Amino acid sequence: MNFLKKYSNLTIRLICLEILFIAPALADECSSNQRAPLPGCVSAEYISGGTVITNNCPYTVTIKVDIANSSDKRVDVGPNGGRTVVGVGGRFQLFCCPRYNKCA
């Protein structure tokens, strides 16, 4: 019992850190024929190792990050100046997923 008391607190901390610092991969049904161009109110700044996506739309936008030779990512970027940093190791393209949020 002392073993559980001693290490359970550490385990909980490690799990919380993992949840906070590793971006969760969202399950997605945004296939290539369902993707749309990014709305004009969304901008992407390409940086070394990824991109910074800024959403100036008044609504949340769901972005599909199509990564060459790797698993794709899907991220939700909050409205009115919401920003998300996406780490990508290689070539990628950004699309909007109208299945989840508006793309206009």
PDB file of N, CA and C in Angstrom:
ATOM      1  N   MET A   1       0.823  -1.190   0.000  1.00  0.00           N
ATOM      2  CA  MET A   1       0.000   0.000   0.000  1.00  0.00           C
ATOM      3  C   MET A   1       0.869   1.256   0.000  1.00  0.00           C
ATOM      4  N   ASN A   2       1.964   1.240   0.754  1.00  0.00           N
ATOM      5  CA  ASN A   2       2.853   2.395   0.765  1.00  0.00           C
ATOM      6  C   ASN A   2       3.440   2.656  -0.612  1.00  0.00           C
ATOM      7  N   PHE A   3       3.695   1.586  -1.361  1.00  0.00           N
ATOM      8  CA  PHE A   3       4.218   1.721  -2.714  1.00  0.00           C
ATOM      9  C   PHE A   3       3.251   2.541  -3.584  1.00  0.00           C
ATOM     10  N   LEU A   4       1.965   2.223  -3.493  1.00  0.00           N
ATOM     11  CA  LEU A   4       0.965   2.950  -4.285  1.00  0.00           C
ATOM     12  C   LEU A   4       0.897   4.419  -3.883  1.00  0.00           C
ATOM     13  N   LYS A   5       0.953   4.673  -2.591  1.00  0.00           N
ATOM     14  CA  LYS A   5       0.904   6.058  -2.119  1.00  0.00           C
ATOM     15  C   LYS A   5       2.125   6.832  -2.591  1.00  0.00           C
ATOM     16  N   LYS A   6       3.265   6.185  -2.589  1.00  0.00           N
ATOM     17  CA  LYS A   6       4.518   6.844  -2.938  1.00  0.00           C
ATOM     18  C   LYS A   6       4.582   7.180  -4.427  1.00  0.00           C
ATOM     19  N   TYR A   7       4.143   6.281  -5.291  1.00  0.00           N
ATOM     20  CA  TYR A   7       4.320   6.468  -6.728  1.00  0.00           C
ATOM     21  C   TYR A   7       3.063   6.903  -7.479  1.00  0.00           C
ATOM     22  N   SER A   8       1.904   6.811  -6.886  1.00  0.00           N
ATOM     23  CA  SER A   8       0.691   7.193  -7.609  1.00  0.00           C
ATOM     24  C   SER A   8       0.669   8.690  -7.909  1.00  0.00           C
ATOM     25  N   ASN A   9       1.161   9.508  -7.003  1.00  0.00           N
ATOM     26  CA  ASN A   9       1.208  10.947  -7.228  1.00  0.00           C
ATOM     27  C   ASN A   9       2.121  11.271  -8.412  1.00  0.00           C
ATOM     28  N   LEU A  10       3.254  10.611  -8.508  1.00  0.00           N
ATOM     29  CA  LEU A  10       4.183  10.806  -9.617  1.00  0.00           C
ATOM     30  C   LEU A  10       3.548  10.356 -10.933  1.00  0.00           C
ATOM     31  N   THR A  11       2.864   9.238 -10.913  1.00  0.00           N
ATOM     32  CA  THR A  11       2.201   8.734 -12.115  1.00  0.00           C
ATOM     33  C   THR A  11       1.147   9.713 -12.604  1.00  0.00           C
ATOM     34  N   ILE A  12       0.373  10.249 -11.713  1.00  0.00           N
ATOM     35  CA  ILE A  12      -0.662  11.215 -12.083  1.00  0.00           C
ATOM     36  C   ILE A  12      -0.025  12.458 -12.689  1.00  0.00           C
ATOM     37  N   ARG A  13       1.064  12.913 -12.121  1.00  0.00           N
ATOM     38  CA  ARG A  13       1.765  14.086 -12.666  1.00  0.00           C
ATOM     39  C   ARG A  13       2.273  13.820 -14.079  1.00  0.00           C
ATOM     40  N   LEU A  14       2.864  12.659 -14.287  1.00  0.00           N
ATOM     41  CA  LEU A  14       3.385  12.319 -15.612  1.00  0.00           C
ATOM     42  C   LEU A  14       2.268  12.233 -16.652  1.00  0.00           C
ATOM     43  N   ILE A  15       1.154  11.672 -16.280  1.00  0.00           N
ATOM     44  CA  ILE A  15       0.012  11.586 -17.196  1.00  0.00           C
ATOM     45  C   ILE A  15      -0.499  12.976 -17.539  1.00  0.00           C
ATOM     46  N   CYS A  16      -0.600  13.847 -16.556  1.00  0.00           N
ATOM     47  CA  CYS A  16      -1.058  15.220 -16.803  1.00  0.00           C
ATOM     48  C   CYS A  16      -0.093  15.967 -17.719  1.00  0.00           C
ATOM     49  N   LEU A  17       1.199  15.810 -17.512  1.00  0.00           N
ATOM     50  CA  LEU A  17       2.192  16.457 -18.370  1.00  0.00           C
ATOM     51  C   LEU A  17       2.083  15.950 -19.807  1.00  0.00           C
ATOM     52  N   GLU A  18       1.875  14.660 -19.952  1.00  0.00           N
ATOM     53  CA  GLU A  18       1.732  14.092 -21.294  1.00  0.00           C
ATOM     54  C   GLU A  18       0.510  14.659 -21.995  1.00  0.00           C
ATOM     55  N   ILE A  19      -0.585  14.779 -21.286  1.00  0.00           N
ATOM     56  CA  ILE A  19      -1.810  15.325 -21.874  1.00  0.00           C
ATOM     57  C   ILE A  19      -1.618  16.785 -22.252  1.00  0.00           C
ATOM     58  N   LEU A  20      -0.931  17.551 -21.426  1.00  0.00           N
ATOM     59  CA  LEU A  20      -0.743  18.971 -21.689  1.00  0.00           C
ATOM     60  C   LEU A  20       0.224  19.265 -22.826  1.00  0.00           C
ATOM     61  N   PHE A  21       1.296  18.499 -22.936  1.00  0.00           N
ATOM     62  CA  PHE A  21       2.358  18.859 -23.857  1.00  0.00           C
ATOM     63  C   PHE A  21       2.409  18.047 -25.140  1.00  0.00           C
ATOM     64  N   ILE A  22       1.669  17.005 -25.237  1.00  0.00           N
ATOM     65  CA  ILE A  22       1.615  16.244 -26.479  1.00  0.00           C
ATOM     66  C   ILE A  22       0.250  16.503 -27.091  1.00  0.00           C
ATOM     67  N   ALA A  23       0.261  17.182 -28.248  1.00  0.00           N
ATOM     68  CA  ALA A  23      -0.998  17.541 -28.899  1.00  0.00           C
ATOM     69  C   ALA A  23      -1.767  16.275 -29.251  1.00  0.00           C
ATOM     70  N   PRO A  24      -3.002  16.196 -28.803  1.00  0.00           N
ATOM     71  CA  PRO A  24      -3.777  15.003 -29.095  1.00  0.00           C
ATOM     72  C   PRO A  24      -4.156  14.938 -30.575  1.00  0.00           C
ATOM     73  N   ALA A  25      -4.102  13.767 -31.123  1.00  0.00           N
ATOM     74  CA  ALA A  25      -4.540  13.569 -32.502  1.00  0.00           C
ATOM     75  C   ALA A  25      -6.049  13.353 -32.469  1.00  0.00           C
ATOM     76  N   LEU A  26      -6.761  14.166 -33.179  1.00  0.00           N
ATOM     77  CA  LEU A  26      -8.205  14.037 -33.229  1.00  0.00           C
ATOM     78  C   LEU A  26      -8.585  13.018 -34.293  1.00  0.00           C
ATOM     79  N   ALA A  27      -9.506  12.138 -33.960  1.00  0.00           N
ATOM     80  CA  ALA A  27     -10.005  11.212 -34.964  1.00  0.00           C
ATOM     81  C   ALA A  27     -10.687  12.050 -36.039  1.00  0.00           C
ATOM     82  N   ASP A  28     -10.528  11.632 -37.281  1.00  0.00           N
ATOM     83  CA  ASP A  28     -11.127  12.486 -38.282  1.00  0.00           C
ATOM     84  C   ASP A  28     -11.682  11.730 -39.460  1.00  0.00           C
ATOM     85  N   GLU A  29     -12.665  12.357 -40.044  1.00  0.00           N
ATOM     86  CA  GLU A  29     -13.306  11.849 -41.240  1.00  0.00           C
ATOM     87  C   GLU A  29     -13.278  12.952 -42.279  1.00  0.00           C
ATOM     88  N   CYS A  30     -12.108  13.507 -42.498  1.00  0.00           N
ATOM     89  CA  CYS A  30     -11.917  14.596 -43.454  1.00  0.00           C
ATOM     90  C   CYS A  30     -11.082  14.056 -44.606  1.00  0.00           C
ATOM     91  N   SER A  31     -11.699  13.212 -45.421  1.00  0.00           N
ATOM     92  CA  SER A  31     -10.974  12.595 -46.525  1.00  0.00           C
ATOM     93  C   SER A  31     -10.667  13.624 -47.607  1.00  0.00           C
ATOM     94  N   SER A  32      -9.817  13.263 -48.537  1.00  0.00           N
ATOM     95  CA  SER A  32      -9.336  14.212 -49.540  1.00  0.00           C
ATOM     96  C   SER A  32     -10.457  14.834 -50.367  1.00  0.00           C
ATOM     97  N   ASN A  33     -11.538  14.109 -50.600  1.00  0.00           N
ATOM     98  CA  ASN A  33     -12.646  14.684 -51.389  1.00  0.00           C
ATOM     99  C   ASN A  33     -13.554  15.590 -50.556  1.00  0.00           C
ATOM    100  N   GLN A  34     -13.349  15.658 -49.255  1.00  0.00           N
ATOM    101  CA  GLN A  34     -14.153  16.519 -48.384  1.00  0.00           C
ATOM    102  C   GLN A  34     -13.407  17.779 -47.957  1.00  0.00           C
ATOM    103  N   ARG A  35     -12.170  17.941 -48.378  1.00  0.00           N
ATOM    104  CA  ARG A  35     -11.359  19.077 -47.941  1.00  0.00           C
ATOM    105  C   ARG A  35     -11.632  20.304 -48.795  1.00  0.00           C
ATOM    106  N   ALA A  36     -11.484  21.470 -48.163  1.00  0.00           N
ATOM    107  CA  ALA A  36     -11.710  22.751 -48.841  1.00  0.00           C
ATOM    108  C   ALA A  36     -10.497  23.653 -48.598  1.00  0.00           C
ATOM    109  N   PRO A  37     -10.328  24.683 -49.437  1.00  0.00           N
ATOM    110  CA  PRO A  37      -9.248  25.636 -49.182  1.00  0.00           C
ATOM    111  C   PRO A  37      -9.480  26.371 -47.865  1.00  0.00           C
ATOM    112  N   LEU A  38      -8.412  26.884 -47.283  1.00  0.00           N
ATOM    113  CA  LEU A  38      -8.547  27.660 -46.047  1.00  0.00           C
ATOM    114  C   LEU A  38      -9.347  28.923 -46.333  1.00  0.00           C
ATOM    115  N   PRO A  39     -10.200  29.337 -45.402  1.00  0.00           N
ATOM    116  CA  PRO A  39     -10.926  30.601 -45.583  1.00  0.00           C
ATOM    117  C   PRO A  39      -9.953  31.774 -45.608  1.00  0.00           C
ATOM    118  N   GLY A  40     -10.359  32.883 -46.192  1.00  0.00           N
ATOM    119  CA  GLY A  40      -9.514  34.061 -46.278  1.00  0.00           C
ATOM    120  C   GLY A  40      -9.134  34.644 -44.928  1.00  0.00           C
ATOM    121  N   CYS A  41      -9.912  34.358 -43.899  1.00  0.00           N
ATOM    122  CA  CYS A  41      -9.636  34.897 -42.572  1.00  0.00           C
ATOM    123  C   CYS A  41      -8.678  34.013 -41.768  1.00  0.00           C
ATOM    124  N   VAL A  42      -8.162  32.950 -42.382  1.00  0.00           N
ATOM    125  CA  VAL A  42      -7.190  32.075 -41.730  1.00  0.00           C
ATOM    126  C   VAL A  42      -5.852  32.248 -42.434  1.00  0.00           C
ATOM    127  N   SER A  43      -4.790  32.443 -41.646  1.00  0.00           N
ATOM    128  CA  SER A  43      -3.457  32.573 -42.232  1.00  0.00           C
ATOM    129  C   SER A  43      -2.535  31.549 -41.597  1.00  0.00           C
ATOM    130  N   ALA A  44      -1.523  31.165 -42.372  1.00  0.00           N
ATOM    131  CA  ALA A  44      -0.537  30.207 -41.891  1.00  0.00           C
ATOM    132  C   ALA A  44       0.849  30.770 -42.139  1.00  0.00           C
ATOM    133  N   GLU A  45       1.637  30.798 -41.093  1.00  0.00           N
ATOM    134  CA  GLU A  45       3.029  31.237 -41.200  1.00  0.00           C
ATOM    135  C   GLU A  45       3.901  29.994 -41.099  1.00  0.00           C
ATOM    136  N   TYR A  46       4.638  29.734 -42.153  1.00  0.00           N
ATOM    137  CA  TYR A  46       5.477  28.549 -42.186  1.00  0.00           C
ATOM    138  C   TYR A  46       6.775  28.827 -41.442  1.00  0.00           C
ATOM    139  N   ILE A  47       7.071  27.985 -40.467  1.00  0.00           N
ATOM    140  CA  ILE A  47       8.280  28.119 -39.658  1.00  0.00           C
ATOM    141  C   ILE A  47       9.085  26.831 -39.777  1.00  0.00           C
ATOM    142  N   SER A  48      10.302  26.864 -39.336  1.00  0.00           N
ATOM    143  CA  SER A  48      11.137  25.670 -39.364  1.00  0.00           C
ATOM    144  C   SER A  48      10.483  24.577 -38.519  1.00  0.00           C
ATOM    145  N   GLY A  49      10.173  23.466 -39.138  1.00  0.00           N
ATOM    146  CA  GLY A  49       9.588  22.342 -38.411  1.00  0.00           C
ATOM    147  C   GLY A  49       8.092  22.386 -38.260  1.00  0.00           C
ATOM    148  N   GLY A  50       7.406  23.311 -38.956  1.00  0.00           N
ATOM    149  CA  GLY A  50       5.956  23.331 -38.845  1.00  0.00           C
ATOM    150  C   GLY A  50       5.320  24.604 -39.325  1.00  0.00           C
ATOM    151  N   THR A  51       4.231  24.969 -38.672  1.00  0.00           N
ATOM    152  CA  THR A  51       3.469  26.145 -39.066  1.00  0.00           C
ATOM    153  C   THR A  51       2.732  26.737 -37.864  1.00  0.00           C
ATOM    154  N   VAL A  52       2.476  28.026 -37.937  1.00  0.00           N
ATOM    155  CA  VAL A  52       1.640  28.706 -36.949  1.00  0.00           C
ATOM    156  C   VAL A  52       0.372  29.127 -37.686  1.00  0.00           C
ATOM    157  N   ILE A  53      -0.765  28.625 -37.247  1.00  0.00           N
ATOM    158  CA  ILE A  53      -2.041  28.925 -37.887  1.00  0.00           C
ATOM    159  C   ILE A  53      -2.783  29.942 -37.041  1.00  0.00           C
ATOM    160  N   THR A  54      -3.216  31.037 -37.669  1.00  0.00           N
ATOM    161  CA  THR A  54      -3.983  32.078 -36.975  1.00  0.00           C
ATOM    162  C   THR A  54      -5.362  32.164 -37.601  1.00  0.00           C
ATOM    163  N   ASN A  55      -6.381  32.114 -36.761  1.00  0.00           N
ATOM    164  CA  ASN A  55      -7.764  32.173 -37.217  1.00  0.00           C
ATOM    165  C   ASN A  55      -8.376  33.512 -36.818  1.00  0.00           C
ATOM    166  N   ASN A  56      -8.606  34.395 -37.796  1.00  0.00           N
ATOM    167  CA  ASN A  56      -9.257  35.674 -37.536  1.00  0.00           C
ATOM    168  C   ASN A  56     -10.743  35.633 -37.860  1.00  0.00           C
ATOM    169  N   CYS A  57     -11.266  34.453 -38.126  1.00  0.00           N
ATOM    170  CA  CYS A  57     -12.699  34.281 -38.385  1.00  0.00           C
ATOM    171  C   CYS A  57     -13.472  34.397 -37.069  1.00  0.00           C
ATOM    172  N   PRO A  58     -14.758  34.721 -37.130  1.00  0.00           N
ATOM    173  CA  PRO A  58     -15.567  34.776 -35.907  1.00  0.00           C
ATOM    174  C   PRO A  58     -16.075  33.398 -35.463  1.00  0.00           C
ATOM    175  N   TYR A  59     -15.539  32.341 -36.043  1.00  0.00           N
ATOM    176  CA  TYR A  59     -15.961  30.981 -35.724  1.00  0.00           C
ATOM    177  C   TYR A  59     -14.725  30.069 -35.701  1.00  0.00           C
ATOM    178  N   THR A  60     -14.848  28.943 -35.023  1.00  0.00           N
ATOM    179  CA  THR A  60     -13.769  27.961 -34.972  1.00  0.00           C
ATOM    180  C   THR A  60     -13.595  27.320 -36.343  1.00  0.00           C
ATOM    181  N   VAL A  61     -12.349  27.083 -36.727  1.00  0.00           N
ATOM    182  CA  VAL A  61     -12.046  26.442 -38.000  1.00  0.00           C
ATOM    183  C   VAL A  61     -11.283  25.147 -37.721  1.00  0.00           C
ATOM    184  N   THR A  62     -11.662  24.087 -38.413  1.00  0.00           N
ATOM    185  CA  THR A  62     -10.972  22.810 -38.291  1.00  0.00           C
ATOM    186  C   THR A  62     -10.034  22.663 -39.476  1.00  0.00           C
ATOM    187  N   ILE A  63      -8.751  22.479 -39.178  1.00  0.00           N
ATOM    188  CA  ILE A  63      -7.712  22.411 -40.199  1.00  0.00           C
ATOM    189  C   ILE A  63      -7.173  20.984 -40.291  1.00  0.00           C
ATOM    190  N   LYS A  64      -7.073  20.500 -41.510  1.00  0.00           N
ATOM    191  CA  LYS A  64      -6.444  19.201 -41.772  1.00  0.00           C
ATOM    192  C   LYS A  64      -5.022  19.482 -42.237  1.00  0.00           C
ATOM    193  N   VAL A  65      -4.042  18.905 -41.546  1.00  0.00           N
ATOM    194  CA  VAL A  65      -2.640  19.036 -41.914  1.00  0.00           C
ATOM    195  C   VAL A  65      -2.271  17.732 -42.621  1.00  0.00           C
ATOM    196  N   ASP A  66      -2.167  17.810 -43.937  1.00  0.00           N
ATOM    197  CA  ASP A  66      -1.863  16.653 -44.772  1.00  0.00           C
ATOM    198  C   ASP A  66      -0.346  16.548 -44.890  1.00  0.00           C
ATOM    199  N   ILE A  67       0.238  15.581 -44.197  1.00  0.00           N
ATOM    200  CA  ILE A  67       1.693  15.444 -44.109  1.00  0.00           C
ATOM    201  C   ILE A  67       2.159  14.345 -45.065  1.00  0.00           C
ATOM    202  N   ALA A  68       3.126  14.686 -45.911  1.00  0.00           N
ATOM    203  CA  ALA A  68       3.658  13.712 -46.862  1.00  0.00           C
ATOM    204  C   ALA A  68       4.354  12.571 -46.127  1.00  0.00           C
ATOM    205  N   ASN A  69       4.034  11.352 -46.515  1.00  0.00           N
ATOM    206  CA  ASN A  69       4.668  10.141 -45.966  1.00  0.00           C
ATOM    207  C   ASN A  69       4.534  10.010 -44.454  1.00  0.00           C
ATOM    208  N   SER A  70       3.429  10.491 -43.898  1.00  0.00           N
ATOM    209  CA  SER A  70       3.216  10.400 -42.458  1.00  0.00           C
ATOM    210  C   SER A  70       1.722  10.472 -42.166  1.00  0.00           C
ATOM    211  N   SER A  71       1.359  10.236 -40.917  1.00  0.00           N
ATOM    212  CA  SER A  71      -0.042  10.359 -40.508  1.00  0.00           C
ATOM    213  C   SER A  71      -0.442  11.826 -40.496  1.00  0.00           C
ATOM    214  N   ASP A  72      -1.628  12.099 -41.002  1.00  0.00           N
ATOM    215  CA  ASP A  72      -2.135  13.465 -41.019  1.00  0.00           C
ATOM    216  C   ASP A  72      -2.569  13.883 -39.623  1.00  0.00           C
ATOM    217  N   LYS A  73      -2.729  15.198 -39.451  1.00  0.00           N
ATOM    218  CA  LYS A  73      -3.207  15.746 -38.181  1.00  0.00           C
ATOM    219  C   LYS A  73      -4.438  16.594 -38.467  1.00  0.00           C
ATOM    220  N   ARG A  74      -5.292  16.700 -37.461  1.00  0.00           N
ATOM    221  CA  ARG A  74      -6.445  17.594 -37.540  1.00  0.00           C
ATOM    222  C   ARG A  74      -6.441  18.438 -36.290  1.00  0.00           C
ATOM    223  N   VAL A  75      -6.567  19.758 -36.467  1.00  0.00           N
ATOM    224  CA  VAL A  75      -6.562  20.662 -35.322  1.00  0.00           C
ATOM    225  C   VAL A  75      -7.720  21.649 -35.429  1.00  0.00           C
ATOM    226  N   ASP A  76      -8.252  22.017 -34.300  1.00  0.00           N
ATOM    227  CA  ASP A  76      -9.272  23.059 -34.222  1.00  0.00           C
ATOM    228  C   ASP A  76      -8.596  24.339 -33.765  1.00  0.00           C
ATOM    229  N   VAL A  77      -8.833  25.429 -34.511  1.00  0.00           N
ATOM    230  CA  VAL A  77      -8.248  26.722 -34.168  1.00  0.00           C
ATOM    231  C   VAL A  77      -9.391  27.638 -33.759  1.00  0.00           C
ATOM    232  N   GLY A  78      -9.314  28.154 -32.550  1.00  0.00           N
ATOM    233  CA  GLY A  78     -10.373  28.990 -31.991  1.00  0.00           C
ATOM    234  C   GLY A  78     -10.578  30.286 -32.762  1.00  0.00           C
ATOM    235  N   PRO A  79     -11.729  30.907 -32.591  1.00  0.00           N
ATOM    236  CA  PRO A  79     -12.083  32.123 -33.333  1.00  0.00           C
ATOM    237  C   PRO A  79     -11.376  33.376 -32.820  1.00  0.00           C
ATOM    238  N   ASN A  80     -11.520  34.450 -33.619  1.00  0.00           N
ATOM    239  CA  ASN A  80     -11.099  35.798 -33.232  1.00  0.00           C
ATOM    240  C   ASN A  80      -9.642  35.891 -32.783  1.00  0.00           C
ATOM    241  N   GLY A  81      -8.734  35.448 -33.646  1.00  0.00           N
ATOM    242  CA  GLY A  81      -7.316  35.551 -33.330  1.00  0.00           C
ATOM    243  C   GLY A  81      -6.724  34.327 -32.679  1.00  0.00           C
ATOM    244  N   GLY A  82      -7.467  33.225 -32.650  1.00  0.00           N
ATOM    245  CA  GLY A  82      -6.939  31.992 -32.075  1.00  0.00           C
ATOM    246  C   GLY A  82      -5.728  31.518 -32.863  1.00  0.00           C
ATOM    247  N   ARG A  83      -4.727  30.996 -32.146  1.00  0.00           N
ATOM    248  CA  ARG A  83      -3.500  30.534 -32.800  1.00  0.00           C
ATOM    249  C   ARG A  83      -3.189  29.114 -32.350  1.00  0.00           C
ATOM    250  N   THR A  84      -2.631  28.362 -33.285  1.00  0.00           N
ATOM    251  CA  THR A  84      -2.193  27.004 -32.996  1.00  0.00           C
ATOM    252  C   THR A  84      -0.868  26.770 -33.699  1.00  0.00           C
ATOM    253  N   VAL A  85       0.072  26.168 -32.983  1.00  0.00           N
ATOM    254  CA  VAL A  85       1.355  25.784 -33.567  1.00  0.00           C
ATOM    255  C   VAL A  85       1.285  24.293 -33.848  1.00  0.00           C
ATOM    256  N   VAL A  86       1.620  23.911 -35.079  1.00  0.00           N
ATOM    257  CA  VAL A  86       1.597  22.507 -35.465  1.00  0.00           C
ATOM    258  C   VAL A  86       3.004  22.103 -35.883  1.00  0.00           C
ATOM    259  N   GLY A  87       3.561  21.137 -35.179  1.00  0.00           N
ATOM    260  CA  GLY A  87       4.880  20.617 -35.525  1.00  0.00           C
ATOM    261  C   GLY A  87       4.750  19.572 -36.610  1.00  0.00           C
ATOM    262  N   VAL A  88       5.516  19.752 -37.679  1.00  0.00           N
ATOM    263  CA  VAL A  88       5.450  18.839 -38.809  1.00  0.00           C
ATOM    264  C   VAL A  88       6.873  18.533 -39.263  1.00  0.00           C
ATOM    265  N   GLY A  89       7.197  17.280 -39.412  1.00  0.00           N
ATOM    266  CA  GLY A  89       8.527  16.906 -39.866  1.00  0.00           C
ATOM    267  C   GLY A  89       8.535  16.552 -41.338  1.00  0.00           C
ATOM    268  N   GLY A  90       8.459  17.528 -42.198  1.00  0.00           N
ATOM    269  CA  GLY A  90       8.474  17.254 -43.632  1.00  0.00           C
ATOM    270  C   GLY A  90       7.500  18.146 -44.387  1.00  0.00           C
ATOM    271  N   ARG A  91       7.237  17.762 -45.637  1.00  0.00           N
ATOM    272  CA  ARG A  91       6.316  18.539 -46.480  1.00  0.00           C
ATOM    273  C   ARG A  91       4.879  18.336 -46.004  1.00  0.00           C
ATOM    274  N   PHE A  92       4.081  19.391 -46.134  1.00  0.00           N
ATOM    275  CA  PHE A  92       2.685  19.298 -45.717  1.00  0.00           C
ATOM    276  C   PHE A  92       1.841  20.329 -46.454  1.00  0.00           C
ATOM    277  N   GLN A  93       0.531  20.110 -46.439  1.00  0.00           N
ATOM    278  CA  GLN A  93      -0.446  21.040 -46.988  1.00  0.00           C
ATOM    279  C   GLN A  93      -1.542  21.237 -45.952  1.00  0.00           C
ATOM    280  N   LEU A  94      -2.167  22.413 -45.982  1.00  0.00           N
ATOM    281  CA  LEU A  94      -3.247  22.730 -45.050  1.00  0.00           C
ATOM    282  C   LEU A  94      -4.564  22.840 -45.803  1.00  0.00           C
ATOM    283  N   PHE A  95      -5.597  22.255 -45.223  1.00  0.00           N
ATOM    284  CA  PHE A  95      -6.939  22.313 -45.783  1.00  0.00           C
ATOM    285  C   PHE A  95      -7.937  22.575 -44.667  1.00  0.00           C
ATOM    286  N   CYS A  96      -9.111  23.041 -45.047  1.00  0.00           N
ATOM    287  CA  CYS A  96     -10.210  23.217 -44.100  1.00  0.00           C
ATOM    288  C   CYS A  96     -11.124  21.993 -44.180  1.00  0.00           C
ATOM    289  N   CYS A  97     -11.700  21.601 -43.049  1.00  0.00           N
ATOM    290  CA  CYS A  97     -12.615  20.457 -43.001  1.00  0.00           C
ATOM    291  C   CYS A  97     -14.035  20.960 -42.721  1.00  0.00           C
ATOM    292  N   PRO A  98     -14.851  21.123 -43.752  1.00  0.00           N
ATOM    293  CA  PRO A  98     -16.204  21.626 -43.549  1.00  0.00           C
ATOM    294  C   PRO A  98     -17.114  20.655 -42.806  1.00  0.00           C
ATOM    295  N   ARG A  99     -16.706  19.422 -42.687  1.00  0.00           N
ATOM    296  CA  ARG A  99     -17.518  18.441 -41.967  1.00  0.00           C
ATOM    297  C   ARG A  99     -17.648  18.803 -40.483  1.00  0.00           C
ATOM    298  N   TYR A 100     -16.632  19.491 -39.938  1.00  0.00           N
ATOM    299  CA  TYR A 100     -16.608  19.793 -38.511  1.00  0.00           C
ATOM    300  C   TYR A 100     -16.974  21.233 -38.179  1.00  0.00           C
ATOM    301  N   ASN A 101     -16.539  22.186 -39.008  1.00  0.00           N
ATOM    302  CA  ASN A 101     -16.827  23.603 -38.784  1.00  0.00           C
ATOM    303  C   ASN A 101     -16.923  24.306 -40.132  1.00  0.00           C
ATOM    304  N   LYS A 102     -17.349  25.557 -40.111  1.00  0.00           N
ATOM    305  CA  LYS A 102     -17.477  26.328 -41.345  1.00  0.00           C
ATOM    306  C   LYS A 102     -16.122  26.541 -42.019  1.00  0.00           C
ATOM    307  N   CYS A 103     -16.152  26.671 -43.336  1.00  0.00           N
ATOM    308  CA  CYS A 103     -14.936  26.936 -44.119  1.00  0.00           C
ATOM    309  C   CYS A 103     -15.136  28.127 -45.051  1.00  0.00           C
ATOM    310  N   ALA A 104     -16.109  28.947 -44.767  1.00  0.00           N
ATOM    311  CA  ALA A 104     -16.397  30.083 -45.655  1.00  0.00           C
ATOM    312  C   ALA A 104     -16.158  31.403 -44.968  1.00  0.00           C
TER     313      ALA A 104
END
